[in-house]
Amino acid sequence: MNGWVTVTNNAGTAFKNTSLKLVAGDVHRVRDEILYATPYYMATPTPRAGQFEEEALFEYHMYDLQRRTTLKNNEQKQISLLEVTGVDVEKEYVYDDIRNWWWYGDDWSDTGEKKVDVMLNFNNSAKNNLGIPLPKGTVRVFTNDKEGKLQFIGEDSIDHTPKDETISLFIGHAFDIVGERTQMDFNELANWYEYVWAVNLRNHKDEDIVVTVLERTSGDWEITDENYNHTKRSNNEIEWQVPVKANGESTLTYTIRYKRW
């Protein structure tokens, strides 16, 4: 994992042989924000070592370039921020109706085929060869093809992230995995609205996978029946881990009740 800082000098003058310090954090300003530096990250190896030294500054973090540099007027320069190897990354498949709605806009509905998200998750910890405050920026991800050439596979933005926090990157949609959510039943009970849902997951890959199915909720609710055990992430989010065999399919069925007001 390599991090770079893009610095743009629009000050109307050149800065020769100058020191450079970058402050990362949500710094409140009365006037419109001015973009001084935008970090981005990519998984491309480079012989260049990190050139910044990080330190805490008030409630922010400062990165001090450990050498002097020259910034010409109207120049844009990229400077190495960090270089690490051996970062463990977990790939996760997620079926999430809310993200499908965001992606497709007015084409979204409660039922029908939906895309399955591909997420890359990693922990920003010293144990994972990181453990440093990462500034807000764009993460671009590359992988090697069969010829050993790097190919771009997706990008996502991250917020300012302190050490020991987990970062989840939305890389794109899985080509060979399809999800379909269907409402099987609806009942109005004395104190509840009851919905019965089925989520069919079809795996056209030549390997077994596990798909995380997310359900967004609100108000008072309870799961009364399910064929896979759920995990309550919060009062507004439920998760199931559904295994799907290679070139096979699995169906999650569950009954959820919402308290009537």
Protein backbone atom coordinates (compact mmCIF):
# COMPACT_ATOMS: atom_id res chain seq x y z
CA MET A 1 0.00 0.00 0.00
CA ASN A 2 1.45 3.31 -1.13
CA GLY A 3 0.07 6.72 -0.16
CA TRP A 4 0.70 9.88 -2.13
CA VAL A 5 -0.12 13.52 -1.46
CA THR A 6 -1.04 15.77 -4.36
CA VAL A 7 -0.05 19.36 -3.56
CA THR A 8 -1.24 22.20 -5.82
CA ASN A 9 0.33 25.65 -5.58
CA ASN A 10 -2.10 28.36 -6.70
CA ALA A 11 -0.63 31.04 -4.42
CA GLY A 12 0.67 33.19 -7.28
CA THR A 13 4.29 32.72 -6.27
CA ALA A 14 6.90 29.98 -6.17
CA PHE A 15 8.23 28.45 -2.94
CA LYS A 16 11.86 27.43 -3.38
CA ASN A 17 13.64 25.00 -1.08
CA THR A 18 10.82 25.26 1.45
CA SER A 19 9.58 23.07 4.28
CA LEU A 20 6.17 21.47 3.89
CA LYS A 21 3.74 20.42 6.61
CA LEU A 22 0.28 19.05 5.92
CA VAL A 23 -2.53 19.09 8.47
CA ALA A 24 -5.20 16.37 8.19
CA GLY A 25 -8.52 16.63 9.99
CA ASP A 26 -11.85 18.41 9.94
CA VAL A 27 -10.59 21.93 10.54
CA HIS A 28 -13.46 24.39 10.91
CA ARG A 29 -13.24 27.46 8.68
CA VAL A 30 -15.65 30.35 8.33
CA ARG A 31 -15.05 30.92 4.64
CA ASP A 32 -15.27 28.27 1.93
CA GLU A 33 -12.78 25.45 2.30
CA ILE A 34 -9.66 25.58 0.15
CA LEU A 35 -8.25 22.25 -0.97
CA TYR A 36 -4.55 22.35 -0.14
CA ALA A 37 -3.71 18.66 -0.43
CA THR A 38 -5.57 15.52 -1.43
CA PRO A 39 -4.03 12.20 -0.39
CA TYR A 40 -4.73 9.09 -2.38
CA TYR A 41 -3.62 5.52 -1.98
CA MET A 42 -2.94 2.67 -4.35
CA ALA A 43 -1.75 -0.90 -4.05
CA THR A 44 1.16 -0.47 -6.45
CA PRO A 45 4.68 -1.27 -5.18
CA THR A 46 7.29 1.46 -5.59
CA PRO A 47 10.94 1.70 -4.50
CA ARG A 48 10.28 5.08 -2.91
CA ALA A 49 10.10 5.17 0.88
CA GLY A 50 7.68 7.30 2.88
CA GLN A 51 8.92 10.87 3.19
CA PHE A 52 6.61 12.30 5.85
CA GLU A 53 6.80 12.09 9.62
CA GLU A 54 3.46 12.14 11.42
CA GLU A 55 2.68 13.85 14.72
CA ALA A 56 -0.43 14.80 16.68
CA LEU A 57 -1.47 18.46 16.44
CA PHE A 58 -4.35 19.57 18.68
CA GLU A 59 -7.25 17.34 17.55
CA TYR A 60 -5.70 16.78 14.11
CA HIS A 61 -2.63 15.12 12.66
CA MET A 62 0.30 16.80 10.94
CA TYR A 63 2.61 15.28 8.35
CA ASP A 64 6.04 16.90 8.12
CA LEU A 65 8.00 16.34 4.91
CA GLN A 66 11.47 15.28 6.04
CA ARG A 67 13.24 17.18 3.28
CA ARG A 68 12.85 20.51 1.59
CA THR A 69 10.99 20.83 -1.68
CA THR A 70 10.26 23.44 -4.34
CA LEU A 71 6.71 24.29 -5.39
CA LYS A 72 6.49 26.33 -8.57
CA ASN A 73 3.53 28.62 -9.15
CA ASN A 74 0.57 26.74 -10.67
CA GLU A 75 2.46 23.48 -10.19
CA GLN A 76 0.89 20.23 -9.04
CA LYS A 77 3.29 17.83 -7.34
CA GLN A 78 2.88 14.32 -5.98
CA ILE A 79 4.92 13.40 -2.90
CA SER A 80 5.15 9.97 -1.26
CA LEU A 81 3.27 9.85 2.06
CA LEU A 82 3.71 6.20 3.06
CA GLU A 83 4.78 2.79 1.81
CA VAL A 84 3.86 -0.45 3.58
CA THR A 85 3.71 -4.12 2.62
CA GLY A 86 2.01 -7.18 4.03
CA VAL A 87 -1.39 -5.57 4.72
CA ASP A 88 -4.03 -8.27 5.20
CA VAL A 89 -7.21 -7.49 3.26
CA GLU A 90 -10.52 -9.37 3.44
CA LYS A 91 -12.84 -9.51 0.42
CA GLU A 92 -16.52 -9.47 1.33
CA TYR A 93 -19.61 -9.93 -0.85
CA VAL A 94 -22.58 -7.86 0.35
CA TYR A 95 -26.20 -7.88 -0.78
CA ASP A 96 -27.51 -4.48 0.28
CA ASP A 97 -30.77 -3.06 -1.09
CA ILE A 98 -29.91 0.46 0.10
CA ARG A 99 -26.68 0.62 -1.91
CA ASN A 100 -28.52 -0.81 -4.93
CA TRP A 101 -31.04 2.02 -4.60
CA TRP A 102 -28.20 4.56 -4.42
CA TRP A 103 -26.54 3.02 -7.48
CA TYR A 104 -29.61 2.71 -9.69
CA GLY A 105 -31.73 5.64 -8.45
CA ASP A 106 -35.32 5.46 -9.68
CA ASP A 107 -34.87 1.88 -10.90
CA TRP A 108 -34.82 0.60 -7.33
CA SER A 109 -37.68 -1.48 -5.94
CA ASP A 110 -38.20 -3.82 -2.99
CA THR A 111 -38.14 -6.88 -5.24
CA GLY A 112 -36.23 -8.12 -8.28
CA GLU A 113 -32.62 -8.86 -9.16
CA LYS A 114 -29.95 -6.71 -7.56
CA LYS A 115 -26.19 -6.41 -7.78
CA VAL A 116 -23.93 -7.84 -5.08
CA ASP A 117 -21.31 -5.42 -3.77
CA VAL A 118 -17.62 -6.28 -3.52
CA MET A 119 -16.00 -4.82 -0.40
CA LEU A 120 -12.36 -4.86 0.69
CA ASN A 121 -11.89 -4.57 4.45
CA PHE A 122 -8.66 -4.06 6.38
CA ASN A 123 -7.68 -2.96 9.86
CA ASN A 124 -5.49 0.11 10.29
CA SER A 125 -3.42 -1.48 13.05
CA ALA A 126 0.26 -1.98 13.78
CA LYS A 127 -0.35 -5.75 13.74
CA ASN A 128 -1.51 -5.30 10.14
CA ASN A 129 1.63 -3.28 9.27
CA LEU A 130 -0.27 0.03 9.41
CA GLY A 131 -1.41 1.64 12.67
CA ILE A 132 -1.00 5.25 11.53
CA PRO A 133 -3.58 8.03 11.09
CA LEU A 134 -4.65 7.98 7.44
CA PRO A 135 -5.78 11.31 5.94
CA LYS A 136 -8.98 11.63 3.98
CA GLY A 137 -8.53 10.71 0.33
CA THR A 138 -9.17 8.32 -2.53
CA VAL A 139 -8.03 4.69 -2.49
CA ARG A 140 -7.34 3.14 -5.88
CA VAL A 141 -6.94 -0.64 -5.97
CA PHE A 142 -4.95 -2.69 -8.49
CA THR A 143 -4.36 -6.41 -8.88
CA ASN A 144 -2.10 -8.56 -11.04
CA ASP A 145 -3.52 -10.36 -14.06
CA LYS A 146 -2.23 -13.74 -15.29
CA GLU A 147 0.66 -11.99 -17.07
CA GLY A 148 1.68 -10.26 -13.85
CA LYS A 149 0.56 -6.84 -15.09
CA LEU A 150 -1.28 -4.49 -12.75
CA GLN A 151 -4.93 -3.86 -13.59
CA PHE A 152 -7.19 -1.24 -12.00
CA ILE A 153 -10.19 -2.91 -10.27
CA GLY A 154 -11.92 -0.05 -8.44
CA GLU A 155 -11.65 2.89 -6.08
CA ASP A 156 -13.38 4.40 -3.08
CA SER A 157 -12.91 7.38 -0.78
CA ILE A 158 -12.02 7.19 2.90
CA ASP A 159 -12.51 9.74 5.65
CA HIS A 160 -9.80 10.73 8.12
CA THR A 161 -9.19 7.40 9.84
CA PRO A 162 -7.36 6.99 13.18
CA LYS A 163 -5.24 3.96 13.96
CA ASP A 164 -6.86 0.69 15.02
CA GLU A 165 -10.04 1.36 13.03
CA THR A 166 -11.36 -0.86 10.22
CA ILE A 167 -11.62 0.56 6.71
CA SER A 168 -14.19 -0.81 4.25
CA LEU A 169 -13.81 0.01 0.55
CA PHE A 170 -16.66 -0.38 -1.94
CA ILE A 171 -14.82 -1.57 -5.06
CA GLY A 172 -17.71 -2.39 -7.42
CA HIS A 173 -20.28 -5.08 -8.17
CA ALA A 174 -19.62 -8.79 -8.56
CA PHE A 175 -20.10 -9.89 -12.17
CA ASP A 176 -20.91 -13.55 -11.41
CA ILE A 177 -23.12 -13.22 -8.32
CA VAL A 178 -26.80 -12.26 -8.47
CA GLY A 179 -29.22 -11.56 -5.63
CA GLU A 180 -33.01 -11.42 -5.78
CA ARG A 181 -35.24 -10.30 -2.93
CA THR A 182 -38.93 -11.29 -2.96
CA GLN A 183 -41.74 -10.49 -0.53
CA MET A 184 -43.44 -13.80 0.16
CA ASP A 185 -46.18 -12.71 2.55
CA PHE A 186 -47.59 -9.82 4.58
CA ASN A 187 -49.90 -9.92 7.60
CA GLU A 188 -51.46 -7.28 9.83
CA LEU A 189 -51.50 -8.61 13.36
CA ALA A 190 -52.96 -7.04 16.50
CA ASN A 191 -49.77 -5.18 17.42
CA TRP A 192 -47.45 -5.94 14.51
CA TYR A 193 -46.94 -5.69 10.78
CA GLU A 194 -45.41 -8.98 9.64
CA TYR A 195 -43.33 -9.40 6.47
CA VAL A 196 -41.94 -12.63 5.04
CA TRP A 197 -38.92 -12.17 2.76
CA ALA A 198 -36.83 -14.51 0.62
CA VAL A 199 -33.39 -13.51 -0.71
CA ASN A 200 -32.15 -15.85 -3.43
CA LEU A 201 -28.39 -15.75 -4.09
CA ARG A 202 -26.98 -17.34 -7.26
CA ASN A 203 -23.24 -17.98 -7.52
CA HIS A 204 -21.87 -18.50 -11.05
CA LYS A 205 -18.27 -18.59 -9.85
CA ASP A 206 -16.19 -21.80 -9.68
CA GLU A 207 -15.61 -21.37 -5.96
CA ASP A 208 -17.70 -21.40 -2.80
CA ILE A 209 -18.52 -17.99 -1.36
CA VAL A 210 -20.28 -16.37 1.59
CA VAL A 211 -22.60 -13.41 1.01
CA THR A 212 -23.45 -10.88 3.72
CA VAL A 213 -27.15 -9.97 3.44
CA LEU A 214 -28.15 -6.68 5.03
CA GLU A 215 -31.64 -5.62 6.11
CA ARG A 216 -32.29 -2.00 7.04
CA THR A 217 -34.92 -1.52 9.74
CA SER A 218 -36.53 1.16 11.87
CA GLY A 219 -38.71 1.34 14.95
CA ASP A 220 -39.39 -1.71 17.12
CA TRP A 221 -38.87 -5.01 15.31
CA GLU A 222 -38.20 -8.69 15.88
CA ILE A 223 -37.20 -11.68 13.77
CA THR A 224 -39.64 -14.52 14.42
CA ASP A 225 -38.40 -17.08 11.89
CA GLU A 226 -35.26 -17.56 9.75
CA ASN A 227 -33.25 -20.35 8.14
CA TYR A 228 -29.87 -18.67 8.88
CA ASN A 229 -29.03 -17.00 12.17
CA HIS A 230 -28.92 -13.21 12.06
CA THR A 231 -26.62 -10.74 13.78
CA LYS A 232 -28.00 -7.45 15.07
CA ARG A 233 -25.49 -4.78 14.03
CA SER A 234 -27.68 -2.05 15.48
CA ASN A 235 -31.36 -1.31 15.95
CA ASN A 236 -31.43 -0.22 12.30
CA GLU A 237 -29.37 -2.95 10.67
CA ILE A 238 -29.52 -6.77 10.59
CA GLU A 239 -26.96 -9.08 8.98
CA TRP A 240 -26.95 -12.69 7.77
CA GLN A 241 -23.96 -14.71 6.54
CA VAL A 242 -25.23 -16.96 3.75
CA PRO A 243 -22.90 -19.61 2.23
CA VAL A 244 -23.36 -20.33 -1.49
CA LYS A 245 -21.70 -23.26 -3.23
CA ALA A 246 -19.77 -22.89 -6.48
CA ASN A 247 -22.17 -22.73 -9.45
CA GLY A 248 -25.02 -23.07 -6.99
CA GLU A 249 -27.59 -21.02 -5.14
CA SER A 250 -28.89 -20.46 -1.62
CA THR A 251 -32.04 -18.78 -0.35
CA LEU A 252 -32.35 -16.86 2.89
CA THR A 253 -35.91 -16.72 4.25
CA TYR A 254 -36.94 -14.71 7.28
CA THR A 255 -39.98 -13.25 8.94
CA ILE A 256 -39.72 -9.81 10.49
CA ARG A 257 -42.33 -8.01 12.57
CA TYR A 258 -42.60 -4.25 13.06
CA LYS A 259 -44.44 -2.77 16.03
CA ARG A 260 -47.65 -0.96 15.05
CA TRP A 261 -48.01 2.55 16.41
